[in-house]
Amino acid sequence: MPYTHYNTDERNALQAMAGMRLPKCYMSVIPGKHLSSITGN
Protein backbone atom coordinates (compact mmCIF):
# COMPACT_ATOMS: atom_id res chain seq x y z
CA MET A 1 0.00 0.00 0.00
CA PRO A 2 1.63 3.29 -1.03
CA TYR A 3 2.13 6.00 1.55
CA THR A 4 -0.31 8.91 1.26
CA HIS A 5 -1.35 11.71 3.56
CA TYR A 6 -4.94 12.17 4.65
CA ASN A 7 -6.66 14.89 2.67
CA THR A 8 -9.05 17.39 4.26
CA ASP A 9 -12.17 15.37 3.46
CA GLU A 10 -10.67 12.22 4.97
CA ARG A 11 -9.62 14.08 8.14
CA ASN A 12 -13.12 15.55 8.48
CA ALA A 13 -14.66 12.08 8.06
CA LEU A 14 -12.30 10.64 10.70
CA GLN A 15 -13.20 13.43 13.09
CA ALA A 16 -16.91 12.75 12.58
CA MET A 17 -16.39 9.01 13.13
CA ALA A 18 -14.40 9.69 16.28
CA GLY A 19 -17.30 11.84 17.51
CA MET A 20 -19.60 8.87 16.99
CA ARG A 21 -17.15 6.75 19.01
CA LEU A 22 -16.70 4.20 16.24
CA PRO A 23 -13.94 1.64 16.85
CA LYS A 24 -10.64 2.60 15.24
CA CYS A 25 -10.66 -0.58 13.17
CA TYR A 26 -13.82 0.70 11.43
CA MET A 27 -12.33 4.14 11.01
CA SER A 28 -9.36 2.72 9.10
CA VAL A 29 -11.43 0.50 6.79
CA ILE A 30 -13.78 3.19 5.56
CA PRO A 31 -11.14 5.49 4.03
CA GLY A 32 -9.05 2.46 2.96
CA LYS A 33 -6.05 3.28 5.15
CA HIS A 34 -4.05 0.97 7.37
CA LEU A 35 -5.09 0.83 11.04
CA SER A 36 -1.64 2.02 12.14
CA SER A 37 -2.19 5.33 10.35
CA ILE A 38 -4.97 6.08 12.83
CA THR A 39 -3.69 4.47 16.01
CA GLY A 40 -0.02 5.27 15.60
CA ASN A 41 0.98 1.73 16.60
C-alpha atoms as a PDB file:
ATOM      1  CA  MET A   1       0.000   0.000   0.000  1.00  0.00           C
ATOM      2  CA  PRO A   2       1.631   3.294  -1.032  1.00  0.00           C
ATOM      3  CA  TYR A   3       2.134   6.004   1.546  1.00  0.00           C
ATOM      4  CA  THR A   4      -0.309   8.911   1.260  1.00  0.00           C
ATOM      5  CA  HIS A   5      -1.352  11.711   3.562  1.00  0.00           C
ATOM      6  CA  TYR A   6      -4.943  12.168   4.646  1.00  0.00           C
ATOM      7  CA  ASN A   7      -6.664  14.893   2.671  1.00  0.00           C
ATOM      8  CA  THR A   8      -9.050  17.391   4.261  1.00  0.00           C
ATOM      9  CA  ASP A   9     -12.170  15.370   3.464  1.00  0.00           C
ATOM     10  CA  GLU A  10     -10.670  12.219   4.972  1.00  0.00           C
ATOM     11  CA  ARG A  11      -9.619  14.077   8.135  1.00  0.00           C
ATOM     12  CA  ASN A  12     -13.119  15.548   8.478  1.00  0.00           C
ATOM     13  CA  ALA A  13     -14.655  12.084   8.062  1.00  0.00           C
ATOM     14  CA  LEU A  14     -12.303  10.635  10.698  1.00  0.00           C
ATOM     15  CA  GLN A  15     -13.195  13.429  13.090  1.00  0.00           C
ATOM     16  CA  ALA A  16     -16.907  12.752  12.581  1.00  0.00           C
ATOM     17  CA  MET A  17     -16.392   9.007  13.129  1.00  0.00           C
ATOM     18  CA  ALA A  18     -14.395   9.693  16.284  1.00  0.00           C
ATOM     19  CA  GLY A  19     -17.298  11.843  17.511  1.00  0.00           C
ATOM     20  CA  MET A  20     -19.601   8.865  16.985  1.00  0.00           C
ATOM     21  CA  ARG A  21     -17.147   6.746  19.009  1.00  0.00           C
ATOM     22  CA  LEU A  22     -16.698   4.198  16.245  1.00  0.00           C
ATOM     23  CA  PRO A  23     -13.941   1.637  16.847  1.00  0.00           C
ATOM     24  CA  LYS A  24     -10.639   2.599  15.237  1.00  0.00           C
ATOM     25  CA  CYS A  25     -10.658  -0.576  13.167  1.00  0.00           C
ATOM     26  CA  TYR A  26     -13.819   0.696  11.425  1.00  0.00           C
ATOM     27  CA  MET A  27     -12.327   4.141  11.008  1.00  0.00           C
ATOM     28  CA  SER A  28      -9.361   2.715   9.097  1.00  0.00           C
ATOM     29  CA  VAL A  29     -11.430   0.500   6.792  1.00  0.00           C
ATOM     30  CA  ILE A  30     -13.778   3.192   5.562  1.00  0.00           C
ATOM     31  CA  PRO A  31     -11.135   5.488   4.032  1.00  0.00           C
ATOM     32  CA  GLY A  32      -9.053   2.465   2.963  1.00  0.00           C
ATOM     33  CA  LYS A  33      -6.049   3.285   5.152  1.00  0.00           C
ATOM     34  CA  HIS A  34      -4.055   0.968   7.369  1.00  0.00           C
ATOM     35  CA  LEU A  35      -5.090   0.829  11.038  1.00  0.00           C
ATOM     36  CA  SER A  36      -1.645   2.023  12.136  1.00  0.00           C
ATOM     37  CA  SER A  37      -2.186   5.333  10.348  1.00  0.00           C
ATOM     38  CA  ILE A  38      -4.969   6.078  12.830  1.00  0.00           C
ATOM     39  CA  THR A  39      -3.694   4.466  16.014  1.00  0.00           C
ATOM     40  CA  GLY A  40      -0.016   5.274  15.604  1.00  0.00           C
ATOM     41  CA  ASN A  41       0.976   1.733  16.598  1.00  0.00           C
END
